Amino acid sequence: MAKRQNSHLPLKDALGEFIKENKLQKGMDKVDARQAWVKLMGNGVNNYTTAVELRNETLFVSLSSSVLREELSLGKTKIMNMLNEELGKEMIKKIVLR
């Protein structure tokens, strides 16, 4: 394990280093993407959302309503932009609604 250069490392930076050293970023991104969907889409959409999964740069969203799926498909680009803005980085390049 690498020796600390500074014993007063902020917690955020220490966690960031831990995540990077242990190659956990992909897992964290998956959790962050799911949380961003829940936060931005609200209860109306979340009641019909059965699964949200980030694979590579594609967000797969399973919905139990074909009508809602059709409605959301019209605004996929806007939804993707809102999610990426919420996440603070270009994490999602494509959304697949199923």
Protein backbone atom coordinates (compact mmCIF):
# COMPACT_ATOMS: atom_id res chain seq x y z
CA MET A 1 0.00 0.00 0.00
CA ALA A 2 1.32 3.44 -0.91
CA LYS A 3 2.49 5.67 1.89
CA ARG A 4 0.38 8.76 2.46
CA GLN A 5 2.01 12.00 1.45
CA ASN A 6 -0.29 14.06 3.64
CA SER A 7 -2.07 12.83 6.74
CA HIS A 8 -4.70 15.57 6.35
CA LEU A 9 -6.24 14.34 3.10
CA PRO A 10 -9.90 15.40 2.76
CA LEU A 11 -12.31 12.45 3.01
CA LYS A 12 -13.62 13.03 -0.53
CA ASP A 13 -10.08 12.80 -1.94
CA ALA A 14 -9.25 9.76 0.19
CA LEU A 15 -12.39 7.95 -1.03
CA GLY A 16 -11.58 8.94 -4.61
CA GLU A 17 -8.10 7.45 -4.29
CA PHE A 18 -9.49 4.26 -2.75
CA ILE A 19 -12.04 3.88 -5.56
CA LYS A 20 -9.36 4.47 -8.22
CA GLU A 21 -6.77 2.13 -6.65
CA ASN A 22 -9.32 -0.67 -6.30
CA LYS A 23 -10.88 -0.17 -9.76
CA LEU A 24 -14.35 0.44 -8.32
CA GLN A 25 -15.33 3.39 -10.53
CA LYS A 26 -17.49 1.35 -12.93
CA GLY A 27 -19.54 0.04 -10.01
CA MET A 28 -19.89 3.52 -8.55
CA ASP A 29 -20.97 4.87 -11.95
CA LYS A 30 -23.70 2.20 -12.15
CA VAL A 31 -25.05 3.20 -8.75
CA ASP A 32 -24.81 6.92 -9.58
CA ALA A 33 -26.67 6.44 -12.89
CA ARG A 34 -29.48 4.53 -11.16
CA GLN A 35 -29.78 7.22 -8.47
CA ALA A 36 -29.79 10.01 -11.06
CA TRP A 37 -32.64 8.30 -12.95
CA VAL A 38 -34.71 7.97 -9.76
CA LYS A 39 -34.04 11.58 -8.75
CA LEU A 40 -34.72 13.18 -12.14
CA MET A 41 -37.66 11.10 -13.33
CA GLY A 42 -39.81 11.43 -10.21
CA ASN A 43 -42.44 9.09 -8.77
CA GLY A 44 -44.65 9.01 -11.86
CA VAL A 45 -41.97 7.39 -14.00
CA ASN A 46 -40.29 5.46 -11.17
CA ASN A 47 -43.54 3.63 -10.39
CA TYR A 48 -43.27 2.04 -13.87
CA THR A 49 -39.48 1.56 -13.84
CA THR A 50 -38.57 -2.06 -13.14
CA ALA A 51 -34.80 -1.87 -13.74
CA VAL A 52 -32.06 0.65 -14.53
CA GLU A 53 -28.67 -0.66 -15.57
CA LEU A 54 -25.59 1.10 -16.95
CA ARG A 55 -23.50 -1.10 -19.25
CA ASN A 56 -20.48 0.57 -20.82
CA GLU A 57 -21.95 3.94 -21.87
CA THR A 58 -25.51 2.70 -22.45
CA LEU A 59 -28.29 3.08 -19.90
CA PHE A 60 -30.82 0.25 -20.13
CA VAL A 61 -34.17 1.12 -18.56
CA SER A 62 -36.94 -1.47 -18.20
CA LEU A 63 -40.43 -0.02 -17.99
CA SER A 64 -43.70 -1.82 -17.26
CA SER A 65 -45.75 0.62 -19.36
CA SER A 66 -45.54 0.59 -23.17
CA VAL A 67 -47.30 3.96 -23.29
CA LEU A 68 -44.70 5.54 -20.98
CA ARG A 69 -41.88 3.86 -22.94
CA GLU A 70 -43.21 5.50 -26.12
CA GLU A 71 -43.51 8.91 -24.44
CA LEU A 72 -39.99 8.76 -22.98
CA SER A 73 -38.48 7.57 -26.26
CA LEU A 74 -39.45 10.92 -27.81
CA GLY A 75 -37.24 12.76 -25.29
CA LYS A 76 -34.29 10.35 -24.99
CA THR A 77 -31.70 12.97 -25.96
CA LYS A 78 -33.03 15.47 -23.43
CA ILE A 79 -33.18 12.79 -20.70
CA MET A 80 -29.61 11.70 -21.50
CA ASN A 81 -28.38 15.30 -21.29
CA MET A 82 -30.19 15.85 -17.97
CA LEU A 83 -28.73 12.63 -16.52
CA ASN A 84 -25.18 13.49 -17.63
CA GLU A 85 -25.55 16.98 -16.17
CA GLU A 86 -26.76 15.48 -12.87
CA LEU A 87 -23.82 13.03 -12.90
CA GLY A 88 -21.32 15.79 -13.66
CA LYS A 89 -19.75 13.93 -16.59
CA GLU A 90 -20.58 12.39 -19.97
CA MET A 91 -21.25 8.93 -18.59
CA ILE A 92 -24.27 8.00 -20.72
CA LYS A 93 -24.00 8.04 -24.52
CA LYS A 94 -27.17 6.06 -25.29
CA ILE A 95 -30.47 5.15 -23.60
CA VAL A 96 -32.31 1.93 -24.40
CA LEU A 97 -35.91 1.74 -23.17
CA ARG A 98 -37.41 -1.73 -22.95
